[in-house]
């Protein structure tokens, strides 16, 4: 614990482990120095007996101080109600112990038996009390990790059990009871050491695996970025011959006799198809363009239409229900809002399977715009919902999703002074609710 680098650790317990290390050092020093006093007690001058007793008392109290501090810090990261209850009990133990010590050492005369009684109360209150609190707190922490399917959580639970056993042996069982007591204390301390080492070691392994997964997703994201640049180039190349074809149709239409209605119908169909291809290529160019420095008035109806144009190849099996007043608008970036809707529609289609209904609703007034995308697909459980907007988090197989979609959506919404709320449950689909304040976005 002393030599590990917890600077970038994701374990919430990391900032508290220094106190447990402090307890290990201070208590080890106390136990070894006690052995020295026992072995050489006959050689200590009688005039120093009183001083030695005071030092032993102080040393014993300080040896458990690290464990008390660890208990307090540990319960600060535990969920309620464990957090409040644990901190209250920890504070109560310290207060009761202080009052007991004041009672024992009041006045000027202190009897020899007083130190023995005070040491017994110190071991019971500070030793057993702090070890029980610390063991319970770290066991609760480990149980939470197990609920999140982290294997190392089991070792934290075992560490808590080891601390409790050590608290019983060090606080309630006197050393004089049997010569095997120190041996059992050593075994309990070893259990704490081994299980804590295993917990931190497995955490490092899981962290390394998560880092590798993020790296793979980053590579996938970079690949998609390259594909985006390629698509921009292709769209640009397609747009030029499309424009030339439209011009040629215009010239042909002018030269043909007016009475050739059937031929004019064919020309109109060709023009319609070319115009549609031209609109899609322009939308693709706008979507891939990186110059987004100027905000402007954006109508949501245009955003929806543009996103549908870009996804026209994918949305055909789905029923897209749109409820949007054509007058609703905000000041922002049309391309970014299209990117937002495209990501949400892609997620909705992926969740809906090969077909299904997807609702797009935009309502609002002069102060606020409410934007909703809803699907009726498989939905998300509570744990997935909590991690949905994390960067690189994805439930899709590698190659199917980068985990960037909702994270990018969250960024775009924040830049447009908006807030996003996701409501979902297994089997009932997902609703993404976005509220925009009508005003200038922050770029």
Protein backbone atom coordinates (compact mmCIF):
# COMPACT_ATOMS: atom_id res chain seq x y z
CA UNK A 1 0.00 0.00 0.00
CA UNK A 2 2.87 2.37 0.72
CA UNK A 3 4.65 1.87 -2.59
CA UNK A 4 1.64 1.49 -4.90
CA UNK A 5 0.76 4.43 -7.15
CA UNK A 6 -2.91 5.25 -6.57
CA UNK A 7 -2.76 8.57 -8.46
CA UNK A 8 -4.93 7.35 -11.35
CA UNK A 9 -6.74 4.58 -9.47
CA UNK A 10 -10.48 4.25 -10.04
CA UNK A 11 -10.98 2.53 -6.69
CA UNK A 12 -12.86 4.87 -4.36
CA UNK A 13 -11.15 3.15 -1.40
CA UNK A 14 -7.68 4.21 -2.63
CA UNK A 15 -7.51 7.56 -0.73
CA UNK A 16 -8.20 5.73 2.57
CA UNK A 17 -5.55 2.99 2.35
CA UNK A 18 -2.76 5.22 3.72
CA UNK A 19 -4.54 5.10 7.11
CA UNK A 20 -4.60 1.28 7.02
CA UNK A 21 -0.88 1.28 6.18
CA UNK A 22 -0.28 3.68 9.08
CA UNK A 23 -2.09 1.27 11.40
CA UNK A 24 0.06 -1.61 10.13
CA UNK A 25 3.32 0.22 10.86
CA UNK A 26 2.29 1.74 14.20
CA UNK A 27 0.71 -1.46 15.53
CA UNK A 28 3.69 -3.56 14.44
CA UNK A 29 5.99 -1.13 16.24
CA UNK A 30 3.83 -1.41 19.36
CA UNK A 31 3.80 -5.22 19.33
CA UNK A 32 7.59 -5.51 18.86
CA UNK A 33 8.32 -2.88 21.50
CA UNK A 34 5.99 -4.73 23.92
CA UNK A 35 8.07 -7.84 23.36
CA UNK A 36 11.17 -5.83 24.25
CA UNK A 37 9.58 -4.55 27.48
CA UNK A 38 8.51 -8.09 28.45
CA UNK A 39 11.99 -9.56 27.80
CA UNK A 40 13.93 -6.82 29.56
CA UNK A 41 11.45 -5.71 32.25
CA UNK A 42 13.78 -6.89 35.03
CA UNK A 43 16.53 -4.59 33.79
CA UNK A 44 14.36 -1.44 33.85
CA UNK A 45 15.06 0.70 36.88
CA UNK A 46 12.08 1.03 39.32
CA UNK A 47 12.21 4.82 39.04
CA UNK A 48 11.37 4.53 35.32
CA UNK A 49 8.49 2.09 35.76
CA UNK A 50 5.92 4.86 35.94
CA UNK A 51 7.29 6.54 32.79
CA UNK A 52 7.41 3.22 30.93
CA UNK A 53 3.78 2.53 31.82
CA UNK A 54 2.77 5.96 30.46
CA UNK A 55 4.70 5.36 27.25
CA UNK A 56 3.16 1.90 26.83
CA UNK A 57 -0.31 3.39 27.30
CA UNK A 58 0.28 6.17 24.76
CA UNK A 59 1.91 3.75 22.33
CA UNK A 60 -1.04 1.34 22.55
CA UNK A 61 -3.55 4.13 21.92
CA UNK A 62 -1.61 5.51 18.95
CA UNK A 63 -1.21 2.02 17.45
CA UNK A 64 -5.00 1.84 16.95
CA UNK A 65 -5.37 5.50 15.89
CA UNK A 66 -4.63 4.62 12.24
CA UNK A 67 -7.42 2.03 12.25
CA UNK A 68 -9.88 4.55 13.72
CA UNK A 69 -8.94 7.06 10.99
CA UNK A 70 -9.28 4.33 8.34
CA UNK A 71 -12.76 3.45 9.66
CA UNK A 72 -13.86 7.09 9.50
CA UNK A 73 -12.55 7.59 5.95
CA UNK A 74 -13.98 4.26 4.82
CA UNK A 75 -17.51 5.07 5.93
CA UNK A 76 -17.33 8.37 4.04
CA UNK A 77 -17.30 6.41 0.75
CA UNK A 78 -19.94 3.87 1.81
CA UNK A 79 -23.54 4.42 0.65
CA UNK A 80 -26.22 5.70 2.98
CA UNK A 81 -27.43 4.63 5.51
CA UNK A 82 -24.17 2.72 6.22
CA UNK A 83 -22.13 5.90 5.85
CA UNK A 84 -23.93 7.94 8.50
CA UNK A 85 -24.37 5.04 10.92
CA UNK A 86 -20.69 4.05 10.63
CA UNK A 87 -19.42 7.59 11.15
CA UNK A 88 -21.72 8.10 14.16
CA UNK A 89 -20.52 4.85 15.77
CA UNK A 90 -16.86 5.69 15.04
CA UNK A 91 -17.24 9.13 16.62
CA UNK A 92 -19.06 7.57 19.60
CA UNK A 93 -16.22 5.08 20.17
CA UNK A 94 -13.64 7.90 20.21
CA UNK A 95 -15.73 10.04 22.58
CA UNK A 96 -16.45 7.15 24.98
CA UNK A 97 -12.79 6.14 24.99
CA UNK A 98 -11.70 9.73 25.74
CA UNK A 99 -14.16 9.99 28.65
CA UNK A 100 -13.00 6.62 30.05
CA UNK A 101 -9.34 7.68 29.92
CA UNK A 102 -10.15 10.98 31.62
CA UNK A 103 -11.90 9.05 34.36
CA UNK A 104 -8.91 6.72 34.89
CA UNK A 105 -6.24 9.39 34.88
CA UNK A 106 -7.94 12.21 36.76
CA UNK A 107 -6.00 13.74 39.60
CA UNK A 108 -2.30 13.53 40.35
CA UNK A 109 -1.98 10.00 41.76
CA UNK A 110 -2.17 7.07 39.39
CA UNK A 111 -2.08 3.52 40.74
CA UNK A 112 -0.21 0.74 38.97
CA UNK A 113 -3.45 -1.18 38.41
CA UNK A 114 -4.87 1.86 36.64
CA UNK A 115 -2.58 1.29 33.65
CA UNK A 116 -3.69 -2.34 33.39
CA UNK A 117 -7.38 -1.38 33.43
CA UNK A 118 -6.79 1.49 30.98
CA UNK A 119 -4.93 -0.84 28.61
CA UNK A 120 -7.81 -3.33 28.76
CA UNK A 121 -10.36 -0.64 27.89
CA UNK A 122 -8.07 0.63 25.12
CA UNK A 123 -7.93 -2.80 23.53
CA UNK A 124 -11.69 -3.32 23.88
CA UNK A 125 -12.84 0.14 22.70
CA UNK A 126 -10.10 1.14 20.25
CA UNK A 127 -8.78 -2.30 19.28
CA UNK A 128 -11.95 -4.37 18.94
CA UNK A 129 -14.14 -1.35 18.17
CA UNK A 130 -12.04 0.11 15.35
CA UNK A 131 -11.25 -3.32 13.84
CA UNK A 132 -14.95 -4.24 13.82
CA UNK A 133 -15.90 -0.92 12.22
CA UNK A 134 -13.11 -1.13 9.64
CA UNK A 135 -13.90 -4.78 8.89
CA UNK A 136 -17.60 -4.04 8.47
CA UNK A 137 -16.94 -1.01 6.28
CA UNK A 138 -14.52 -2.77 3.94
CA UNK A 139 -16.85 -5.80 3.74
CA UNK A 140 -19.73 -3.52 2.68
CA UNK A 141 -17.46 -1.94 0.09
CA UNK A 142 -16.46 -5.37 -1.24
CA UNK A 143 -20.09 -6.50 -1.39
CA UNK A 144 -20.94 -3.46 -3.51
CA UNK A 145 -18.14 -4.38 -5.91
CA UNK A 146 -19.42 -7.95 -6.14
CA UNK A 147 -22.87 -6.59 -7.02
CA UNK A 148 -21.19 -4.85 -9.97
CA UNK A 149 -19.58 -8.15 -11.04
CA UNK A 150 -16.05 -7.19 -9.94
CA UNK A 151 -14.17 -10.31 -8.89
CA UNK A 152 -11.85 -8.44 -6.51
CA UNK A 153 -14.84 -7.45 -4.37
CA UNK A 154 -14.77 -10.92 -2.78
CA UNK A 155 -11.22 -10.32 -1.54
CA UNK A 156 -12.26 -7.01 0.06
CA UNK A 157 -15.00 -8.91 1.91
CA UNK A 158 -12.37 -11.42 3.08
CA UNK A 159 -10.16 -8.50 4.19
CA UNK A 160 -13.05 -7.23 6.30
CA UNK A 161 -13.43 -10.67 7.89
CA UNK A 162 -9.70 -10.77 8.63
CA UNK A 163 -9.83 -7.35 10.32
CA UNK A 164 -12.79 -8.45 12.46
CA UNK A 165 -10.97 -11.64 13.55
CA UNK A 166 -7.87 -9.63 14.37
CA UNK A 167 -10.01 -7.18 16.37
CA UNK A 168 -11.42 -10.04 18.44
CA UNK A 169 -7.96 -11.52 19.11
CA UNK A 170 -6.23 -8.18 19.80
CA UNK A 171 -9.08 -6.48 21.65
CA UNK A 172 -11.03 -9.14 23.53
CA UNK A 173 -8.54 -11.97 24.00
CA UNK A 174 -5.69 -11.09 26.41
CA UNK A 175 -2.17 -12.13 25.45
CA UNK A 176 -1.71 -13.83 28.82
CA UNK A 177 -4.58 -16.25 28.14
CA UNK A 178 -2.43 -18.66 26.11
CA UNK A 179 0.88 -18.68 24.30
CA UNK A 180 -0.93 -19.35 21.01
CA UNK A 181 -2.79 -15.99 21.06
CA UNK A 182 0.03 -14.06 19.34
CA UNK A 183 0.23 -16.83 16.72
CA UNK A 184 -3.47 -16.54 15.90
CA UNK A 185 -3.14 -12.75 15.75
CA UNK A 186 -0.32 -13.18 13.25
CA UNK A 187 -2.46 -15.53 11.14
CA UNK A 188 -5.34 -13.02 11.16
CA UNK A 189 -2.98 -10.21 10.14
CA UNK A 190 -1.61 -12.45 7.36
CA UNK A 191 -5.17 -13.04 6.12
CA UNK A 192 -5.69 -9.27 5.91
CA UNK A 193 -2.38 -8.81 4.08
CA UNK A 194 -2.94 -11.59 1.53
CA UNK A 195 -6.59 -10.78 0.72
CA UNK A 196 -5.91 -7.06 0.36
CA UNK A 197 -2.93 -7.80 -1.91
CA UNK A 198 -5.09 -10.12 -4.04
CA UNK A 199 -7.88 -7.52 -4.25
CA UNK A 200 -5.53 -4.78 -5.46
CA UNK A 201 -3.75 -7.18 -7.82
CA UNK A 202 -6.99 -8.35 -9.50
CA UNK A 203 -8.12 -4.71 -9.73
CA UNK A 204 -4.94 -3.96 -11.68
CA UNK A 205 -5.67 -6.88 -14.01
CA UNK A 206 -9.26 -5.72 -14.61
CA UNK A 207 -8.05 -2.17 -15.15
CA UNK A 208 -5.52 -3.40 -17.72
CA UNK A 209 -8.24 -5.36 -19.54
CA UNK A 210 -10.51 -2.30 -19.53
CA UNK A 211 -7.68 -0.17 -20.91
CA UNK A 212 -7.10 -2.68 -23.70
CA UNK A 213 -10.82 -2.63 -24.53
CA UNK A 214 -10.79 1.17 -24.62
CA UNK A 215 -7.76 1.10 -26.89
CA UNK A 216 -9.55 -1.24 -29.30
CA UNK A 217 -12.57 1.05 -29.32
CA UNK A 218 -10.36 4.08 -29.87
CA UNK A 219 -8.83 2.31 -32.87
CA UNK A 220 -12.34 1.59 -34.15
CA UNK A 221 -13.29 5.26 -33.62
CA UNK A 222 -10.20 6.37 -35.52
CA UNK A 223 -11.13 3.98 -38.33
CA UNK A 224 -14.64 5.46 -38.49
CA UNK A 225 -13.12 8.92 -38.59
CA UNK A 226 -11.02 7.89 -41.59
CA UNK A 227 -14.14 6.43 -43.23
CA UNK A 228 -15.88 9.78 -42.59
CA UNK A 229 -13.12 11.67 -44.40
CA UNK A 230 -13.34 9.15 -47.25
CA UNK A 231 -17.13 9.61 -47.42
CA UNK A 232 -16.66 13.38 -47.58
CA UNK A 233 -14.31 13.00 -50.52
CA UNK A 234 -16.67 10.58 -52.28
CA UNK A 235 -19.65 12.89 -51.70
CA UNK A 236 -17.70 15.80 -53.13
CA UNK A 237 -16.75 13.79 -56.21
CA UNK A 238 -20.35 12.60 -56.68
CA UNK A 239 -21.78 16.09 -56.30
CA UNK A 240 -19.93 17.46 -59.33
CA UNK A 241 -21.30 14.97 -61.93
CA UNK A 242 -24.75 15.27 -60.34
CA UNK A 243 -24.69 19.02 -60.87
CA UNK A 244 -23.53 18.47 -64.45
CA UNK A 245 -26.33 15.93 -65.03
CA UNK A 246 -28.98 18.33 -63.72
CA UNK A 247 -27.68 21.05 -66.03
CA UNK A 248 -27.76 18.65 -68.99
CA UNK A 249 -31.38 17.72 -68.17
CA UNK A 250 -32.30 21.42 -68.02
CA UNK A 251 -30.82 22.00 -71.48
CA UNK A 252 -32.46 18.86 -72.91
CA UNK A 253 -35.84 19.87 -71.50
CA UNK A 254 -35.65 23.25 -73.19
CA UNK A 255 -34.82 21.75 -76.62
CA UNK A 256 -37.50 19.04 -76.63
CA UNK A 257 -40.92 19.73 -78.20
CA UNK A 258 -43.59 20.68 -75.66
CA UNK A 259 -45.98 17.88 -76.77
CA UNK A 260 -43.72 14.96 -75.80
CA UNK A 261 -45.43 14.49 -72.42
CA UNK A 262 -44.29 10.88 -71.86
CA UNK A 263 -40.66 11.79 -72.52
CA UNK A 264 -40.98 14.82 -70.21
CA UNK A 265 -42.28 12.49 -67.48
CA UNK A 266 -39.13 10.35 -67.77
CA UNK A 267 -37.02 13.49 -67.58
CA UNK A 268 -38.87 14.61 -64.43
CA UNK A 269 -38.27 11.21 -62.78
CA UNK A 270 -34.57 11.38 -63.66
CA UNK A 271 -34.40 14.92 -62.30
CA UNK A 272 -36.13 13.83 -59.05
CA UNK A 273 -33.66 10.98 -58.51
CA UNK A 274 -30.65 13.16 -59.28
CA UNK A 275 -31.94 15.94 -57.00
CA UNK A 276 -32.41 13.43 -54.17
CA UNK A 277 -28.87 12.10 -54.64
CA UNK A 278 -27.58 15.68 -54.72
CA UNK A 279 -29.36 16.56 -51.47
CA UNK A 280 -27.91 13.48 -49.75
CA UNK A 281 -24.37 14.25 -50.96
CA UNK A 282 -24.68 17.86 -49.75
CA UNK A 283 -25.94 16.69 -46.37
CA UNK A 284 -23.01 14.25 -46.16
CA UNK A 285 -20.57 17.05 -46.99
CA UNK A 286 -22.13 19.32 -44.37
CA UNK A 287 -22.04 16.52 -41.80
CA UNK A 288 -18.33 15.84 -42.40
CA UNK A 289 -17.27 19.51 -42.59
CA UNK A 290 -15.17 20.65 -39.61
CA UNK A 291 -15.82 24.42 -39.76
CA UNK A 292 -18.41 24.87 -37.02
CA UNK A 293 -17.41 28.24 -35.63
CA UNK A 294 -20.65 30.16 -36.30
CA UNK A 295 -24.01 29.58 -34.64
CA UNK A 296 -27.23 30.41 -36.47
CA UNK A 297 -30.97 30.01 -36.21
CA UNK A 298 -31.77 26.32 -36.69
CA UNK A 299 -35.26 24.90 -37.26
CA UNK A 300 -35.79 21.47 -35.77
CA UNK A 301 -37.91 20.38 -38.71
CA UNK A 302 -34.89 20.94 -40.98
CA UNK A 303 -32.67 19.02 -38.57
CA UNK A 304 -35.04 16.04 -38.62
CA UNK A 305 -35.33 16.16 -42.41
CA UNK A 306 -31.54 16.33 -42.84
CA UNK A 307 -30.94 13.41 -40.47
CA UNK A 308 -33.56 11.31 -42.28
CA UNK A 309 -31.90 12.10 -45.60
CA UNK A 310 -28.51 10.90 -44.32
CA UNK A 311 -30.06 7.74 -42.85
CA UNK A 312 -32.40 7.10 -45.80
CA UNK A 313 -30.58 3.83 -46.59
CA UNK A 314 -31.13 2.53 -43.06
CA UNK A 315 -34.54 3.80 -41.90
CA UNK A 316 -36.63 2.15 -44.64
CA UNK A 317 -37.72 -0.87 -42.49
CA UNK A 318 -38.69 1.42 -39.61
CA UNK A 319 -41.72 3.64 -39.07
CA UNK A 320 -40.45 7.11 -38.08
CA UNK A 321 -43.29 9.08 -36.45
CA UNK A 322 -42.48 12.81 -36.40
CA UNK A 323 -44.35 15.37 -34.32
CA UNK A 324 -42.66 18.73 -34.80
CA UNK A 325 -43.94 22.25 -35.34
CA UNK A 326 -42.06 23.77 -38.29
CA UNK A 327 -41.63 27.06 -36.40
CA UNK A 328 -39.63 25.63 -33.47
CA UNK A 329 -35.98 26.69 -33.54
CA UNK A 330 -32.92 27.49 -31.43
CA UNK A 331 -29.65 29.28 -32.05
CA UNK A 332 -26.98 26.66 -32.61
CA UNK A 333 -25.23 24.39 -35.10
CA UNK A 334 -27.44 22.56 -37.61
CA UNK A 335 -24.73 20.02 -38.42
CA UNK A 336 -24.14 19.20 -34.75
CA UNK A 337 -27.86 18.85 -34.04
CA UNK A 338 -28.13 16.51 -37.03
CA UNK A 339 -25.23 14.51 -35.60
CA UNK A 340 -27.09 14.36 -32.28
CA UNK A 341 -30.28 13.05 -33.90
CA UNK A 342 -28.39 10.59 -36.14
CA UNK A 343 -26.70 9.06 -33.08
CA UNK A 344 -30.01 8.78 -31.24
CA UNK A 345 -31.77 7.27 -34.27
CA UNK A 346 -28.95 4.78 -34.79
CA UNK A 347 -29.24 3.68 -31.14
CA UNK A 348 -33.03 3.45 -31.45
CA UNK A 349 -32.81 1.33 -34.61
CA UNK A 350 -30.16 -0.95 -33.09
CA UNK A 351 -32.38 -1.45 -30.04
CA UNK A 352 -35.50 -2.09 -32.14
CA UNK A 353 -34.09 -4.97 -34.17
CA UNK A 354 -34.89 -5.23 -37.88
CA UNK A 355 -38.05 -3.09 -37.73
CA UNK A 356 -40.28 -1.12 -35.39
CA UNK A 357 -41.69 2.29 -34.53
CA UNK A 358 -39.52 5.23 -33.53
CA UNK A 359 -41.09 8.47 -32.32
CA UNK A 360 -39.51 11.91 -32.73
CA UNK A 361 -41.31 14.67 -30.86
CA UNK A 362 -40.37 18.35 -30.57
CA UNK A 363 -42.50 20.73 -28.50
CA UNK A 364 -41.82 23.99 -26.73
CA UNK A 365 -42.33 27.69 -26.32
CA UNK A 366 -40.24 30.86 -26.40
CA UNK A 367 -38.21 29.77 -23.36
CA UNK A 368 -37.63 26.04 -23.75
CA UNK A 369 -37.63 23.31 -26.40
CA UNK A 370 -38.41 19.71 -25.44
CA UNK A 371 -36.92 17.16 -27.84
CA UNK A 372 -37.71 13.44 -27.46
CA UNK A 373 -36.62 10.31 -29.32
CA UNK A 374 -38.37 7.12 -28.28
CA UNK A 375 -38.04 3.49 -29.32
CA UNK A 376 -39.91 0.38 -28.25
CA UNK A 377 -36.94 -1.99 -28.34
CA UNK A 378 -35.23 -4.12 -25.73
CA UNK A 379 -34.35 -1.24 -23.35
CA UNK A 380 -31.58 -1.08 -20.73
CA UNK A 381 -31.27 -2.36 -17.19
CA UNK A 382 -30.41 -0.04 -14.30
CA UNK A 383 -26.66 -0.73 -14.35
CA UNK A 384 -26.36 -0.20 -18.12
CA UNK A 385 -28.39 3.00 -17.82
CA UNK A 386 -25.95 4.40 -15.24
CA UNK A 387 -23.00 3.83 -17.60
CA UNK A 388 -24.76 4.74 -20.87
CA UNK A 389 -23.11 8.15 -21.35
CA UNK A 390 -19.60 7.05 -20.32
CA UNK A 391 -16.94 7.44 -22.99
CA UNK A 392 -16.25 4.15 -24.84
CA UNK A 393 -18.98 2.29 -22.95
CA UNK A 394 -20.96 0.05 -25.31
CA UNK A 395 -23.04 -3.10 -24.99
CA UNK A 396 -22.48 -3.85 -28.68
CA UNK A 397 -19.75 -6.22 -29.87
CA UNK A 398 -16.43 -4.69 -30.96
CA UNK A 399 -16.84 -3.51 -34.54
CA UNK A 400 -20.56 -2.81 -34.09
CA UNK A 401 -20.22 0.21 -31.80
CA UNK A 402 -17.49 2.47 -30.42
CA UNK A 403 -19.25 3.63 -27.27
CA UNK A 404 -18.92 7.23 -28.45
CA UNK A 405 -22.54 7.86 -29.54
CA UNK A 406 -24.23 8.95 -26.30
CA UNK A 407 -21.03 10.56 -25.01
CA UNK A 408 -20.94 12.76 -28.15
CA UNK A 409 -24.67 13.47 -27.73
CA UNK A 410 -24.06 14.58 -24.16
CA UNK A 411 -21.31 16.95 -25.35
CA UNK A 412 -23.45 18.44 -28.14
CA UNK A 413 -26.41 18.93 -25.80
CA UNK A 414 -24.19 20.67 -23.23
CA UNK A 415 -22.84 23.04 -25.89
CA UNK A 416 -26.43 23.98 -26.79
CA UNK A 417 -27.32 24.73 -23.15
CA UNK A 418 -29.38 21.58 -22.96
CA UNK A 419 -29.94 18.73 -20.53
CA UNK A 420 -30.47 15.06 -21.32
CA UNK A 421 -32.40 12.47 -19.40
CA UNK A 422 -32.66 8.81 -20.39
CA UNK A 423 -35.60 6.69 -19.22
CA UNK A 424 -35.34 2.98 -19.94
CA UNK A 425 -36.10 -0.46 -18.61
CA UNK A 426 -35.73 -3.97 -19.94
CA UNK A 427 -38.50 -4.90 -22.36
CA UNK A 428 -40.22 -1.50 -22.60
CA UNK A 429 -37.82 0.51 -24.75
CA UNK A 430 -35.95 3.76 -24.22
CA UNK A 431 -36.91 7.43 -24.10
CA UNK A 432 -34.26 10.12 -24.55
CA UNK A 433 -35.60 13.44 -23.26
CA UNK A 434 -33.66 16.60 -24.12
CA UNK A 435 -34.52 20.12 -22.99
CA UNK A 436 -32.93 23.13 -24.70
CA UNK A 437 -32.96 26.65 -23.32
CA UNK A 438 -33.74 29.01 -26.18
CA UNK A 439 -30.59 31.13 -26.56
CA UNK A 440 -27.07 31.22 -27.95
CA UNK A 441 -25.04 28.06 -27.64
CA UNK A 442 -21.49 28.03 -26.28
CA UNK A 443 -18.84 27.23 -28.88
